[in-house]
Amino acid sequence: MNKKPIYVEIDINCSVDEAWTYTQQPQLHEQWDLRFSRITYCDKAHEDEPQRFTYTTNVLPGISVSGWGESKGTHEKNGVKTSSLHFGTKQRISPIQEGKGYWQYVPKQNGMTFLTQYDYDVRYGAIGRAFDVLFRPVMGWATALSFNVLARWLEQGERPRTQYRRFFSYYLLIALFVFVWLYQGL
């Protein structure tokens, strides 16, 4: 089975530099990106070294995945900025073993296009690949939702925490009503 990389793209009404700040500073990045709960930059011995970092993702209460990452480099050409990344984790609870990807910031007349493409290797062989059939769309969905939250933060000033609270409360209420309706129907 041939796996497709995850690709997400969104137009945001802001400057490339503003989006760069909100995506490259860990304190801001961890607020809008659903895939990361905490991002910590490691100290560099030399300015020319790639930026290494550690991350933690809270999966459920009491369960988290920690890993490592490395910004392999940035490139700018004709106003388009690109940041590449290498990431992974040794924790066996994570289906992701190691991956690579990039973010790209493309200026437009009324703002910019922010896009990402990334792919990863799974662990556990055939079982991991079978699980990835369900997991990969969830990662794509989490990436797309996070990009929408970032766009709303940059364009309208609405804090990510408020957006996520409203989003998950809404769907929790729908699930509750569906449960009650099904329960009453049975």
C-alpha atoms as a PDB file:
ATOM      1  CA  MET A   1       0.000   0.000   0.000  1.00  0.00           C
ATOM      2  CA  ASN A   2       1.360   3.401  -1.018  1.00  0.00           C
ATOM      3  CA  LYS A   3       0.965   6.041   1.698  1.00  0.00           C
ATOM      4  CA  LYS A   4       0.339   9.681   0.859  1.00  0.00           C
ATOM      5  CA  PRO A   5       2.118  12.461   2.720  1.00  0.00           C
ATOM      6  CA  ILE A   6      -0.054  14.790   4.756  1.00  0.00           C
ATOM      7  CA  TYR A   7      -0.619  18.092   2.972  1.00  0.00           C
ATOM      8  CA  VAL A   8      -2.520  21.092   4.367  1.00  0.00           C
ATOM      9  CA  GLU A   9      -2.800  24.579   2.908  1.00  0.00           C
ATOM     10  CA  ILE A  10      -4.636  27.710   4.094  1.00  0.00           C
ATOM     11  CA  ASP A  11      -4.805  31.347   3.044  1.00  0.00           C
ATOM     12  CA  ILE A  12      -4.280  33.786   5.913  1.00  0.00           C
ATOM     13  CA  ASN A  13      -4.818  37.530   5.809  1.00  0.00           C
ATOM     14  CA  CYS A  14      -1.509  38.537   7.429  1.00  0.00           C
ATOM     15  CA  SER A  15       2.107  39.113   6.469  1.00  0.00           C
ATOM     16  CA  VAL A  16       4.640  36.329   6.031  1.00  0.00           C
ATOM     17  CA  ASP A  17       6.702  37.793   8.874  1.00  0.00           C
ATOM     18  CA  GLU A  18       3.749  37.761  11.277  1.00  0.00           C
ATOM     19  CA  ALA A  19       2.917  34.128  10.449  1.00  0.00           C
ATOM     20  CA  TRP A  20       6.612  33.247  10.748  1.00  0.00           C
ATOM     21  CA  THR A  21       6.674  34.669  14.285  1.00  0.00           C
ATOM     22  CA  TYR A  22       3.558  32.761  15.396  1.00  0.00           C
ATOM     23  CA  THR A  23       4.822  29.483  13.950  1.00  0.00           C
ATOM     24  CA  GLN A  24       8.517  29.629  14.806  1.00  0.00           C
ATOM     25  CA  GLN A  25       8.371  30.795  18.444  1.00  0.00           C
ATOM     26  CA  PRO A  26       7.670  27.802  20.709  1.00  0.00           C
ATOM     27  CA  GLN A  27       5.559  29.787  23.214  1.00  0.00           C
ATOM     28  CA  LEU A  28       3.200  30.837  20.419  1.00  0.00           C
ATOM     29  CA  HIS A  29       3.378  27.628  18.371  1.00  0.00           C
ATOM     30  CA  GLU A  30       2.314  25.349  21.214  1.00  0.00           C
ATOM     31  CA  GLN A  31      -0.815  27.483  21.770  1.00  0.00           C
ATOM     32  CA  TRP A  32      -2.363  26.927  18.333  1.00  0.00           C
ATOM     33  CA  ASP A  33      -0.980  23.552  17.202  1.00  0.00           C
ATOM     34  CA  LEU A  34      -3.177  20.731  18.478  1.00  0.00           C
ATOM     35  CA  ARG A  35      -0.383  18.222  17.802  1.00  0.00           C
ATOM     36  CA  PHE A  36       1.940  19.681  20.470  1.00  0.00           C
ATOM     37  CA  SER A  37       1.353  20.474  24.140  1.00  0.00           C
ATOM     38  CA  ARG A  38       4.846  21.750  24.881  1.00  0.00           C
ATOM     39  CA  ILE A  39       7.829  22.700  22.699  1.00  0.00           C
ATOM     40  CA  THR A  40      11.231  23.477  24.221  1.00  0.00           C
ATOM     41  CA  TYR A  41      14.206  24.691  22.199  1.00  0.00           C
ATOM     42  CA  CYS A  42      17.591  23.211  23.080  1.00  0.00           C
ATOM     43  CA  ASP A  43      20.569  25.526  23.471  1.00  0.00           C
ATOM     44  CA  LYS A  44      22.821  25.840  20.439  1.00  0.00           C
ATOM     45  CA  ALA A  45      26.592  25.527  20.818  1.00  0.00           C
ATOM     46  CA  HIS A  46      27.051  27.410  17.540  1.00  0.00           C
ATOM     47  CA  GLU A  47      24.728  29.819  15.689  1.00  0.00           C
ATOM     48  CA  ASP A  48      25.092  27.811  12.453  1.00  0.00           C
ATOM     49  CA  GLU A  49      23.771  24.607  14.035  1.00  0.00           C
ATOM     50  CA  PRO A  50      20.235  23.436  13.287  1.00  0.00           C
ATOM     51  CA  GLN A  51      17.707  24.354  15.977  1.00  0.00           C
ATOM     52  CA  ARG A  52      16.987  21.238  18.034  1.00  0.00           C
ATOM     53  CA  PHE A  53      13.965  20.942  20.290  1.00  0.00           C
ATOM     54  CA  THR A  54      11.951  18.533  22.377  1.00  0.00           C
ATOM     55  CA  TYR A  55       8.197  18.251  22.331  1.00  0.00           C
ATOM     56  CA  THR A  56       5.444  16.707  24.403  1.00  0.00           C
ATOM     57  CA  THR A  57       1.947  15.835  23.259  1.00  0.00           C
ATOM     58  CA  ASN A  58      -0.710  15.083  25.858  1.00  0.00           C
ATOM     59  CA  VAL A  59      -2.765  12.293  24.301  1.00  0.00           C
ATOM     60  CA  LEU A  60      -5.132  11.648  27.212  1.00  0.00           C
ATOM     61  CA  PRO A  61      -5.041  12.639  30.882  1.00  0.00           C
ATOM     62  CA  GLY A  62      -1.934  10.963  32.281  1.00  0.00           C
ATOM     63  CA  ILE A  63      -0.701   9.777  28.860  1.00  0.00           C
ATOM     64  CA  SER A  64       1.781  11.822  26.851  1.00  0.00           C
ATOM     65  CA  VAL A  65       4.281  11.278  24.075  1.00  0.00           C
ATOM     66  CA  SER A  66       7.625  13.066  24.061  1.00  0.00           C
ATOM     67  CA  GLY A  67       9.998  13.325  21.165  1.00  0.00           C
ATOM     68  CA  TRP A  68      12.706  15.305  19.453  1.00  0.00           C
ATOM     69  CA  GLY A  69      12.847  17.587  16.470  1.00  0.00           C
ATOM     70  CA  GLU A  70      15.354  19.503  14.444  1.00  0.00           C
ATOM     71  CA  SER A  71      14.774  22.477  12.175  1.00  0.00           C
ATOM     72  CA  LYS A  72      17.048  21.366   9.362  1.00  0.00           C
ATOM     73  CA  GLY A  73      17.122  24.768   7.745  1.00  0.00           C
ATOM     74  CA  THR A  74      15.254  27.713   6.356  1.00  0.00           C
ATOM     75  CA  HIS A  75      15.285  29.092   2.857  1.00  0.00           C
ATOM     76  CA  GLU A  76      13.968  32.314   1.395  1.00  0.00           C
ATOM     77  CA  LYS A  77      13.559  33.050  -2.292  1.00  0.00           C
ATOM     78  CA  ASN A  78      11.415  35.756  -3.914  1.00  0.00           C
ATOM     79  CA  GLY A  79       9.657  36.408  -0.593  1.00  0.00           C
ATOM     80  CA  VAL A  80       8.705  32.735  -0.128  1.00  0.00           C
ATOM     81  CA  LYS A  81      10.015  31.313   3.146  1.00  0.00           C
ATOM     82  CA  THR A  82      10.454  27.584   3.733  1.00  0.00           C
ATOM     83  CA  SER A  83      11.329  25.816   6.963  1.00  0.00           C
ATOM     84  CA  SER A  84      12.200  22.107   6.928  1.00  0.00           C
ATOM     85  CA  LEU A  85      11.912  19.741   9.861  1.00  0.00           C
ATOM     86  CA  HIS A  86      13.054  16.303  10.981  1.00  0.00           C
ATOM     87  CA  PHE A  87      11.232  14.763  13.959  1.00  0.00           C
ATOM     88  CA  GLY A  88      10.668  11.535  15.846  1.00  0.00           C
ATOM     89  CA  THR A  89      10.232   9.765  19.128  1.00  0.00           C
ATOM     90  CA  LYS A  90      11.643   6.678  20.812  1.00  0.00           C
ATOM     91  CA  GLN A  91       8.506   6.187  22.899  1.00  0.00           C
ATOM     92  CA  ARG A  92       6.866   2.943  21.870  1.00  0.00           C
ATOM     93  CA  ILE A  93       3.374   4.269  22.592  1.00  0.00           C
ATOM     94  CA  SER A  94       3.630   6.519  19.531  1.00  0.00           C
ATOM     95  CA  PRO A  95       2.790   5.009  16.148  1.00  0.00           C
ATOM     96  CA  ILE A  96       5.124   7.603  14.583  1.00  0.00           C
ATOM     97  CA  GLN A  97       8.765   6.604  14.653  1.00  0.00           C
ATOM     98  CA  GLU A  98      10.421   9.309  12.572  1.00  0.00           C
ATOM     99  CA  GLY A  99       9.414  11.807   9.915  1.00  0.00           C
ATOM    100  CA  LYS A 100      10.300  14.814   7.804  1.00  0.00           C
ATOM    101  CA  GLY A 101       8.402  17.739   6.390  1.00  0.00           C
ATOM    102  CA  TYR A 102       8.334  21.432   5.669  1.00  0.00           C
ATOM    103  CA  TRP A 103       6.322  24.595   6.184  1.00  0.00           C
ATOM    104  CA  GLN A 104       6.085  27.155   3.426  1.00  0.00           C
ATOM    105  CA  TYR A 105       4.965  30.778   3.604  1.00  0.00           C
ATOM    106  CA  VAL A 106       3.944  32.192   0.206  1.00  0.00           C
ATOM    107  CA  PRO A 107       3.104  35.906   0.000  1.00  0.00           C
ATOM    108  CA  LYS A 108       0.007  36.948  -1.936  1.00  0.00           C
ATOM    109  CA  GLN A 109      -1.621  40.264  -2.723  1.00  0.00           C
ATOM    110  CA  ASN A 110      -3.978  40.073   0.280  1.00  0.00           C
ATOM    111  CA  GLY A 111      -1.973  38.090   2.813  1.00  0.00           C
ATOM    112  CA  MET A 112      -0.228  34.779   2.365  1.00  0.00           C
ATOM    113  CA  THR A 113      -0.648  31.062   1.857  1.00  0.00           C
ATOM    114  CA  PHE A 114       0.650  28.856   4.665  1.00  0.00           C
ATOM    115  CA  LEU A 115       1.183  25.220   3.776  1.00  0.00           C
ATOM    116  CA  THR A 116       2.796  22.085   5.080  1.00  0.00           C
ATOM    117  CA  GLN A 117       3.644  18.675   3.771  1.00  0.00           C
ATOM    118  CA  TYR A 118       5.060  15.940   5.955  1.00  0.00           C
ATOM    119  CA  ASP A 119       5.400  12.209   6.083  1.00  0.00           C
ATOM    120  CA  TYR A 120       6.544   9.747   8.691  1.00  0.00           C
ATOM    121  CA  ASP A 121       7.531   6.137   9.198  1.00  0.00           C
ATOM    122  CA  VAL A 122       5.453   3.994  11.508  1.00  0.00           C
ATOM    123  CA  ARG A 123       6.663   1.385  13.935  1.00  0.00           C
ATOM    124  CA  TYR A 124       5.366  -2.173  14.448  1.00  0.00           C
ATOM    125  CA  GLY A 125       5.577  -3.258  10.803  1.00  0.00           C
ATOM    126  CA  ALA A 126       2.336  -4.468   9.199  1.00  0.00           C
ATOM    127  CA  ILE A 127       0.312  -3.791  12.357  1.00  0.00           C
ATOM    128  CA  GLY A 128       1.619  -0.208  12.433  1.00  0.00           C
ATOM    129  CA  ARG A 129       0.816   0.301   8.746  1.00  0.00           C
ATOM    130  CA  ALA A 130      -2.703  -1.049   9.282  1.00  0.00           C
ATOM    131  CA  PHE A 131      -3.227   1.287  12.265  1.00  0.00           C
ATOM    132  CA  ASP A 132      -1.882   4.181  10.193  1.00  0.00           C
ATOM    133  CA  VAL A 133      -4.841   3.827   7.830  1.00  0.00           C
ATOM    134  CA  LEU A 134      -6.907   5.336  10.676  1.00  0.00           C
ATOM    135  CA  PHE A 135      -4.201   7.420  12.349  1.00  0.00           C
ATOM    136  CA  ARG A 136      -2.950   9.330   9.279  1.00  0.00           C
ATOM    137  CA  PRO A 137      -6.342  10.978   8.544  1.00  0.00           C
ATOM    138  CA  VAL A 138      -6.556  12.010  12.210  1.00  0.00           C
ATOM    139  CA  MET A 139      -3.120  13.656  11.926  1.00  0.00           C
ATOM    140  CA  GLY A 140      -4.222  15.434   8.745  1.00  0.00           C
ATOM    141  CA  TRP A 141      -7.430  16.588  10.453  1.00  0.00           C
ATOM    142  CA  ALA A 142      -5.481  17.837  13.521  1.00  0.00           C
ATOM    143  CA  THR A 143      -3.096  19.729  11.242  1.00  0.00           C
ATOM    144  CA  ALA A 144      -5.949  21.336   9.283  1.00  0.00           C
ATOM    145  CA  LEU A 145      -7.836  22.290  12.456  1.00  0.00           C
ATOM    146  CA  SER A 146      -4.656  23.783  13.911  1.00  0.00           C
ATOM    147  CA  PHE A 147      -4.061  25.836  10.763  1.00  0.00           C
ATOM    148  CA  ASN A 148      -7.635  27.166  10.952  1.00  0.00           C
ATOM    149  CA  VAL A 149      -7.125  28.133  14.594  1.00  0.00           C
ATOM    150  CA  LEU A 150      -3.876  29.923  13.676  1.00  0.00           C
ATOM    151  CA  ALA A 151      -5.606  31.796  10.852  1.00  0.00           C
ATOM    152  CA  ARG A 152      -8.438  32.942  13.114  1.00  0.00           C
ATOM    153  CA  TRP A 153      -5.906  34.036  15.767  1.00  0.00           C
ATOM    154  CA  LEU A 154      -3.904  36.074  13.262  1.00  0.00           C
ATOM    155  CA  GLU A 155      -6.897  37.548  11.427  1.00  0.00           C
ATOM    156  CA  GLN A 156      -9.372  38.148  14.252  1.00  0.00           C
ATOM    157  CA  GLY A 157      -7.277  38.014  17.422  1.00  0.00           C
ATOM    158  CA  GLU A 158      -9.274  35.132  18.925  1.00  0.00           C
ATOM    159  CA  ARG A 159      -7.048  33.157  21.284  1.00  0.00           C
ATOM    160  CA  PRO A 160      -6.522  29.455  20.437  1.00  0.00           C
ATOM    161  CA  ARG A 161      -7.656  28.253  23.873  1.00  0.00           C
ATOM    162  CA  THR A 162     -11.033  29.943  23.397  1.00  0.00           C
ATOM    163  CA  GLN A 163     -11.425  28.452  19.936  1.00  0.00           C
ATOM    164  CA  TYR A 164     -10.578  24.924  21.071  1.00  0.00           C
ATOM    165  CA  ARG A 165     -12.842  25.154  24.106  1.00  0.00           C
ATOM    166  CA  ARG A 166     -15.780  26.200  21.912  1.00  0.00           C
ATOM    167  CA  PHE A 167     -15.007  23.581  19.233  1.00  0.00           C
ATOM    168  CA  PHE A 168     -14.731  20.602  21.577  1.00  0.00           C
ATOM    169  CA  SER A 169     -17.680  21.727  23.742  1.00  0.00           C
ATOM    170  CA  TYR A 170     -19.868  21.912  20.657  1.00  0.00           C
ATOM    171  CA  TYR A 171     -19.026  18.374  19.527  1.00  0.00           C
ATOM    172  CA  LEU A 172     -19.273  17.000  23.066  1.00  0.00           C
ATOM    173  CA  LEU A 173     -22.800  18.398  23.296  1.00  0.00           C
ATOM    174  CA  ILE A 174     -23.701  16.853  19.927  1.00  0.00           C
ATOM    175  CA  ALA A 175     -22.376  13.471  21.099  1.00  0.00           C
ATOM    176  CA  LEU A 176     -24.390  13.798  24.313  1.00  0.00           C
ATOM    177  CA  PHE A 177     -27.603  14.567  22.400  1.00  0.00           C
ATOM    178  CA  VAL A 178     -26.977  11.662  20.010  1.00  0.00           C
ATOM    179  CA  PHE A 179     -26.408   9.327  22.964  1.00  0.00           C
ATOM    180  CA  VAL A 180     -29.600  10.467  24.706  1.00  0.00           C
ATOM    181  CA  TRP A 181     -31.598  10.196  21.469  1.00  0.00           C
ATOM    182  CA  LEU A 182     -30.278   6.668  20.781  1.00  0.00           C
ATOM    183  CA  TYR A 183     -30.769   5.609  24.404  1.00  0.00           C
ATOM    184  CA  GLN A 184     -34.362   6.860  24.429  1.00  0.00           C
ATOM    185  CA  GLY A 185     -34.994   5.218  21.068  1.00  0.00           C
ATOM    186  CA  LEU A 186     -33.818   1.812  22.242  1.00  0.00           C
END
